Protein backbone atom coordinates (compact mmCIF):
# COMPACT_ATOMS: atom_id res chain seq x y z
CA MET A 1 42.63 29.63 31.63
CA LEU A 2 44.88 32.55 30.81
CA ASP A 3 48.35 31.33 29.98
CA ILE A 4 51.18 32.08 27.56
CA PRO A 5 49.75 30.05 24.62
CA ARG A 6 46.40 31.83 24.96
CA LEU A 7 48.03 35.26 25.01
CA ASP A 8 50.05 34.32 21.94
CA ARG A 9 46.97 33.39 19.92
CA ILE A 10 44.97 36.56 20.59
CA ARG A 11 44.40 38.50 17.39
CA LEU A 12 43.00 42.04 17.27
CA GLU A 13 40.88 43.57 14.52
CA ALA A 14 40.46 47.20 13.48
CA ARG A 15 36.72 46.60 13.05
CA PRO A 16 36.17 43.64 15.38
CA ARG A 17 33.55 41.36 13.88
CA TRP A 18 32.38 39.93 17.16
CA GLN A 19 32.03 43.33 18.81
CA ARG A 20 29.77 44.36 15.93
CA ALA A 21 27.85 41.08 16.09
CA VAL A 22 27.19 41.55 19.82
CA ALA A 23 26.18 45.17 19.25
CA ARG A 24 23.68 44.28 16.51
CA GLY A 25 22.43 40.96 17.82
CA VAL A 26 22.34 41.51 21.60
CA LEU A 27 22.76 45.14 22.61
CA PHE A 28 20.61 46.83 19.96
CA PRO A 29 17.53 44.69 20.75
CA ASN A 30 18.17 44.96 24.49
CA TYR A 31 18.75 48.72 24.54
CA GLU A 32 16.39 49.96 21.85
CA LEU A 33 13.77 47.42 20.75
CA VAL A 34 12.31 45.99 23.96
CA PRO A 35 10.20 48.74 25.63
CA ALA A 36 10.44 47.17 29.09
CA ARG A 37 14.24 47.21 28.85
CA LYS A 38 14.88 50.43 26.96
CA VAL A 39 18.24 51.93 27.92
CA GLU A 40 19.10 55.59 27.38
CA ILE A 41 22.81 56.08 26.80
CA VAL A 42 24.04 59.66 27.07
CA PHE A 43 27.45 60.95 26.00
CA GLU A 44 28.23 64.34 27.54
CA GLY A 45 31.27 66.24 26.32
CA TYR A 46 32.25 63.81 23.58
CA GLU A 47 33.34 66.75 21.41
CA LYS A 48 36.49 66.91 23.57
CA VAL A 49 37.72 63.52 22.35
CA PRO A 50 40.56 63.76 19.79
CA LYS A 51 40.18 61.96 16.48
CA GLU A 52 43.36 59.91 16.93
CA PRO A 53 43.39 56.78 19.14
CA VAL A 54 43.31 57.59 22.86
CA VAL A 55 43.25 55.86 26.21
CA PHE A 56 39.79 56.08 27.75
CA ALA A 57 40.11 55.87 31.56
CA MET A 58 36.78 55.07 33.19
CA ASN A 59 35.40 54.14 36.61
CA HIS A 60 34.21 50.53 36.90
CA THR A 61 30.91 50.19 38.75
CA ASP A 62 29.64 46.83 37.47
CA ARG A 63 30.42 43.89 35.21
CA PHE A 64 29.09 45.47 32.02
CA ASN A 65 29.53 49.23 32.13
CA TYR A 66 31.86 49.08 29.14
CA TRP A 67 29.15 47.54 26.91
CA PRO A 68 26.88 50.60 26.60
CA PHE A 69 30.02 52.73 26.17
CA GLN A 70 31.37 50.59 23.34
CA TYR A 71 27.89 50.35 21.79
CA GLN A 72 27.40 54.12 21.61
CA LEU A 73 31.00 54.67 20.54
CA TRP A 74 30.39 52.34 17.58
CA ARG A 75 26.83 53.44 16.78
CA ASP A 76 27.44 57.19 16.75
CA HIS A 77 31.17 57.51 16.07
CA ARG A 78 32.33 54.25 14.44
CA ARG A 79 35.16 53.85 16.94
CA PHE A 80 36.26 50.56 18.46
CA THR A 81 38.25 49.70 21.55
CA ALA A 82 40.69 47.19 22.87
CA THR A 83 39.71 46.79 26.53
CA TRP A 84 41.63 45.68 29.60
CA VAL A 85 39.94 42.73 31.31
CA LYS A 86 41.04 40.54 34.20
CA GLY A 87 42.73 37.23 33.56
CA LYS A 88 40.20 35.43 35.74
CA TYR A 89 37.52 35.90 33.08
CA TYR A 90 39.37 33.34 30.97
CA GLU A 91 38.75 30.58 33.51
CA ASN A 92 35.32 29.78 32.07
CA PRO A 93 35.78 28.24 28.60
CA ILE A 94 32.76 30.01 27.08
CA VAL A 95 33.46 33.41 28.65
CA GLY A 96 37.16 33.05 27.87
CA LYS A 97 36.48 32.36 24.21
CA PHE A 98 34.11 35.34 24.07
CA MET A 99 36.79 37.58 25.59
CA GLU A 100 39.37 36.26 23.17
CA MET A 101 37.17 37.05 20.17
CA THR A 102 36.10 40.58 21.13
CA ASN A 103 39.34 42.60 21.20
CA ASN A 104 40.04 42.28 24.92
CA LEU A 105 43.50 42.55 26.46
CA PRO A 106 43.80 40.25 29.49
CA THR A 107 45.77 41.87 32.27
CA VAL A 108 48.40 39.80 34.03
CA SER A 109 49.85 40.20 37.50
CA ARG A 110 52.30 38.34 39.68
CA GLY A 111 49.37 37.80 42.05
CA TYR A 112 47.41 36.01 39.33
CA ILE A 113 50.35 33.70 38.55
CA ILE A 114 50.95 32.95 42.24
CA THR A 115 47.28 32.15 42.83
CA LYS A 116 46.95 29.95 39.73
CA ASP A 117 50.13 28.03 40.62
CA LEU A 118 48.81 27.25 44.10
CA LEU A 119 45.41 26.27 42.76
CA GLY A 120 46.95 23.97 40.19
CA ASN A 121 49.36 22.25 42.56
CA LEU A 122 47.87 22.50 46.04
CA GLY A 123 44.25 22.47 44.96
CA ARG A 124 43.37 25.71 46.73
CA ARG A 125 43.95 29.43 46.56
CA PRO A 126 46.28 30.96 49.17
CA THR A 127 44.87 32.29 52.43
CA GLU A 128 45.12 36.05 52.83
CA ASP A 129 48.17 35.70 55.10
CA GLU A 130 49.82 33.27 52.68
CA TYR A 131 49.08 35.50 49.72
CA THR A 132 50.53 38.57 51.45
CA THR A 133 53.73 36.70 52.35
CA LEU A 134 54.15 35.07 48.94
CA ARG A 135 53.48 38.30 47.08
CA LYS A 136 56.02 40.20 49.17
CA HIS A 137 58.60 37.49 48.50
CA VAL A 138 57.98 37.49 44.73
CA ASP A 139 57.98 41.30 44.58
CA ALA A 140 61.29 41.40 46.43
CA THR A 141 62.75 38.86 44.01
CA ALA A 142 61.54 40.96 41.06
CA VAL A 143 63.65 43.94 42.18
CA GLY A 144 66.70 41.82 43.02
CA ASP A 145 66.25 41.63 46.77
CA PRO A 146 64.83 38.12 47.44
CA THR A 147 63.98 36.76 50.86
CA ASP A 148 64.53 33.19 52.08
CA GLU A 149 62.14 30.78 50.35
CA ALA A 150 62.66 28.17 53.06
CA ALA A 151 60.76 30.46 55.42
CA LEU A 152 57.65 30.66 53.25
CA PRO A 153 54.46 29.24 54.83
CA ILE A 154 53.80 26.59 52.15
CA PRO A 155 55.00 22.98 51.66
CA ARG A 156 58.63 22.63 50.64
CA ALA A 157 57.65 20.23 47.84
CA PHE A 158 55.61 22.99 46.23
CA LEU A 159 58.76 25.10 45.88
CA THR A 160 60.97 22.29 44.56
CA THR A 161 58.77 20.26 42.20
CA PRO A 162 59.40 20.75 38.45
CA ARG A 163 56.27 21.72 36.53
CA ASP A 164 54.71 23.99 33.94
CA ILE A 165 53.66 27.44 35.19
CA LEU A 166 51.11 28.90 32.75
CA GLY A 167 53.05 27.69 29.72
CA ARG A 168 56.59 28.17 31.00
CA PRO A 169 58.70 25.29 32.39
CA PHE A 170 59.88 25.60 36.01
CA ASP A 171 63.14 23.77 36.77
CA PRO A 172 64.00 24.19 40.48
CA THR A 173 67.60 23.10 39.83
CA LYS A 174 68.11 26.23 37.72
CA GLU A 175 65.95 28.85 39.41
CA THR A 176 63.94 29.50 42.53
CA TRP A 177 60.15 29.35 42.54
CA ALA A 178 59.96 33.16 42.86
CA GLN A 179 62.33 33.59 39.92
CA ALA A 180 60.08 31.31 37.86
CA ILE A 181 57.02 33.38 38.79
CA CYS A 182 58.84 36.58 37.79
CA ALA A 183 60.06 35.06 34.51
CA THR A 184 56.53 33.89 33.66
CA PHE A 185 55.20 37.36 34.41
CA THR A 186 57.87 38.99 32.21
CA ARG A 187 57.05 36.68 29.31
CA MET A 188 53.31 37.31 29.60
CA MET A 189 53.75 41.06 29.96
CA SER A 190 55.95 41.16 26.87
CA ARG A 191 53.02 39.79 24.85
CA PHE A 192 50.57 42.08 26.67
CA LEU A 193 52.58 45.13 25.58
CA GLN A 194 52.93 43.78 22.05
CA LEU A 195 49.13 43.62 21.87
CA HIS A 196 48.99 47.32 22.80
CA GLU A 197 51.32 48.18 19.96
CA GLU A 198 49.14 46.16 17.59
CA ALA A 199 45.99 47.90 18.89
CA PHE A 200 47.39 51.39 18.38
CA ALA A 201 48.68 50.45 14.91
CA LEU A 202 45.15 49.32 13.99
CA GLY A 203 43.70 52.67 15.12
CA LEU A 204 41.90 51.23 18.15
CA ASP A 205 41.21 53.20 21.30
CA LEU A 206 42.27 51.62 24.58
CA LEU A 207 39.68 51.33 27.37
CA VAL A 208 41.08 50.96 30.89
CA PHE A 209 39.59 50.87 34.39
CA PRO A 210 42.43 52.29 36.53
CA GLN A 211 40.79 51.16 39.79
CA GLY A 212 41.61 47.58 38.87
CA THR A 213 38.37 46.16 40.27
CA ARG A 214 34.65 46.88 40.33
CA SER A 215 33.61 49.41 42.94
CA ILE A 216 30.58 51.68 43.23
CA ARG A 217 32.67 54.42 44.78
CA LEU A 218 35.90 55.58 43.21
CA SER A 219 39.12 54.28 44.69
CA ARG A 220 42.73 55.22 44.10
CA GLY A 221 43.99 54.23 40.65
CA HIS A 222 46.71 51.71 39.95
CA ILE A 223 49.76 52.72 37.95
CA GLY A 224 49.43 50.30 35.00
CA MET A 225 47.43 52.65 32.80
CA SER A 226 49.91 55.47 33.35
CA GLN A 227 52.85 53.30 32.38
CA VAL A 228 51.22 52.44 29.05
CA ALA A 229 50.06 56.01 28.36
CA LEU A 230 53.47 57.50 29.14
CA ARG A 231 55.44 54.80 27.33
CA TYR A 232 53.41 55.17 24.12
CA ARG A 233 52.82 58.93 24.56
CA LYS A 234 49.05 58.58 24.39
CA THR A 235 46.38 61.10 25.30
CA VAL A 236 44.22 59.95 28.21
CA VAL A 237 40.54 60.91 28.18
CA PRO A 238 38.86 60.59 31.61
CA VAL A 239 35.31 59.21 31.47
CA GLY A 240 32.84 59.23 34.36
CA CYS A 241 30.14 56.57 34.18
CA SER A 242 26.96 57.04 36.25
CA GLY A 243 23.92 54.78 36.30
CA SER A 244 25.25 51.59 34.76
CA ASP A 245 25.18 49.67 38.05
CA LEU A 246 21.42 50.29 38.20
CA VAL A 247 20.95 49.02 34.66
CA TYR A 248 23.25 46.04 35.31
CA PRO A 249 22.66 45.28 39.01
CA THR A 250 23.50 41.56 38.76
CA SER A 251 25.76 39.25 36.76
CA SER A 252 23.12 39.00 34.03
CA PRO A 253 24.27 40.46 30.69
CA PHE A 254 20.71 41.61 29.94
CA ALA A 255 20.16 45.21 30.94
CA ARG A 256 17.22 46.61 32.85
CA SER A 257 15.68 49.84 31.64
CA GLY A 258 17.42 52.98 32.78
CA ARG A 259 19.70 55.87 31.94
CA ILE A 260 23.49 55.70 31.76
CA VAL A 261 25.53 58.88 31.48
CA TYR A 262 29.13 58.92 30.27
CA ARG A 263 30.80 62.28 30.86
CA PHE A 264 34.03 63.01 29.01
CA GLY A 265 36.57 65.20 30.76
CA GLU A 266 39.40 67.30 29.42
CA PRO A 267 41.96 65.08 27.66
CA LEU A 268 45.39 64.82 29.27
CA THR A 269 47.84 64.82 26.38
CA TYR A 270 51.38 63.52 26.69
CA GLU A 271 52.62 67.11 26.51
CA ASP A 272 50.21 68.17 29.28
CA ALA A 273 51.51 65.26 31.37
CA LYS A 274 55.03 66.73 31.40
CA PRO A 275 55.24 66.78 35.25
CA TRP A 276 55.09 62.97 35.15
CA HIS A 277 57.40 62.28 32.21
CA VAL A 278 59.96 59.58 32.91
CA PRO A 279 63.52 60.77 32.25
CA GLY A 280 64.73 58.22 29.73
CA PRO A 281 63.43 54.90 28.40
CA PHE A 282 61.57 52.46 30.63
CA THR A 283 59.66 49.21 30.32
CA PRO A 284 56.06 49.21 31.57
CA PHE A 285 55.41 46.74 34.38
CA ASP A 286 59.11 46.10 34.97
CA ALA A 287 59.51 45.86 38.74
CA LYS A 288 62.71 47.90 38.90
CA ASP A 289 61.32 50.65 36.66
CA GLU A 290 58.12 50.71 38.72
CA ARG A 291 60.13 51.14 41.91
CA THR A 292 62.29 53.89 40.41
CA HIS A 293 59.45 55.87 38.81
CA ARG A 294 56.46 54.96 40.99
CA ASP A 295 55.88 58.54 42.17
CA LEU A 296 55.63 59.73 38.55
CA PHE A 297 53.26 56.93 37.55
CA GLN A 298 51.13 57.42 40.65
CA GLY A 299 50.99 61.17 40.18
CA HIS A 300 49.78 60.72 36.62
CA VAL A 301 47.00 58.27 37.50
CA ASP A 302 46.01 60.34 40.55
CA GLU A 303 45.42 63.30 38.23
CA ILE A 304 43.22 61.15 35.99
CA MET A 305 41.23 59.77 38.94
CA GLN A 306 40.62 63.28 40.27
CA ARG A 307 39.25 64.25 36.88
CA ILE A 308 36.97 61.20 36.85
CA ASP A 309 35.78 62.14 40.34
CA GLY A 310 34.49 65.42 38.92
CA LEU A 311 32.60 63.63 36.16
CA VAL A 312 30.49 61.13 38.13
CA ASP A 313 27.34 61.57 40.20
CA GLU A 314 27.78 61.98 43.95
CA ARG A 315 27.17 58.34 44.88
CA TYR A 316 30.12 57.25 42.73
CA ARG A 317 32.68 59.76 43.98
CA PHE A 318 35.68 58.95 46.15
CA ALA A 319 35.08 57.48 49.56
CA GLU A 320 36.91 59.32 52.32
CA ASP A 321 39.64 56.67 52.52
CA GLU A 322 39.79 56.28 48.70
CA GLU A 323 39.53 52.50 49.21
CA SER A 324 37.66 50.17 46.87
CA ASP A 325 34.45 48.49 48.01
CA GLY A 326 35.18 45.59 45.65
CA VAL A 327 36.95 42.26 46.16
CA LYS A 328 40.46 42.13 47.60
CA GLY A 329 43.38 39.73 47.97
CA SER A 330 43.64 36.54 45.93
CA HIS A 331 39.88 36.62 45.28
CA ARG A 332 40.62 39.25 42.63
CA PHE A 333 42.30 36.60 40.48
CA VAL A 334 39.95 33.59 40.48
């Protein structure tokens, strides 16, 4: 499970041992030694990538499309990444340990904390209607405009029973349930951002999937990547991935033979991103800052997604409604 103690014990490496072990022991034989599974990995336009650490922003078509990318990045250019992954991948003890050991940065959301709290105390995830209502209530609390918790469609005892929420004590005599969710999120995000600072100090690139979920067709990007890039003044390199979903069509980590093309677009430096600069300091993922500067963050990620759209094959480009064809609601978190 992803909780505060697990976030606190994550340690990053400049030359991650386990990434190299997976590359040599699993990916090299799979991609290059077994004729029936030979995988051709093509980097187009890599010469555009600056030498200093950058944020790679890539479309996310399947479970493993970052593996060939990381493999080629290491094999040809000796670069390593810290990669955003969903908190739900830490639910399985084996997968969670693997994620913890391979320079991954588990993303946190209020939705994840809400869903895990219900699962742990009611024994089920919220229905879609419940999730929508609870998320709106927590989001309103986060910006200082809470609604009435007594009107929420869940048992009163759930809102008033003391307990641990992902490593933080909840005392209903001192705070509301929504305030506890927000405080847990703030604590986890503080560590999440600290990990970014450690990654950049180690010279690691950051790999992010702005769509936030797997989807064959591009969908509108979320603002998290932009907040990090603008806060730390990082260059963002758009990357279009085509063909990985055909090489990894299932949940199996063993690739089928095929060709995967990664196209690198023109980098968007912090100076080039001037139209979306935030006037003054801000804290990434802070609800009030997100509300105040959302248009700037969204404009920045929209520009990146448009660049990715021009780098992928036709079948991966934006759908007309720019909606994801991946999972939605609380199913994104567990």
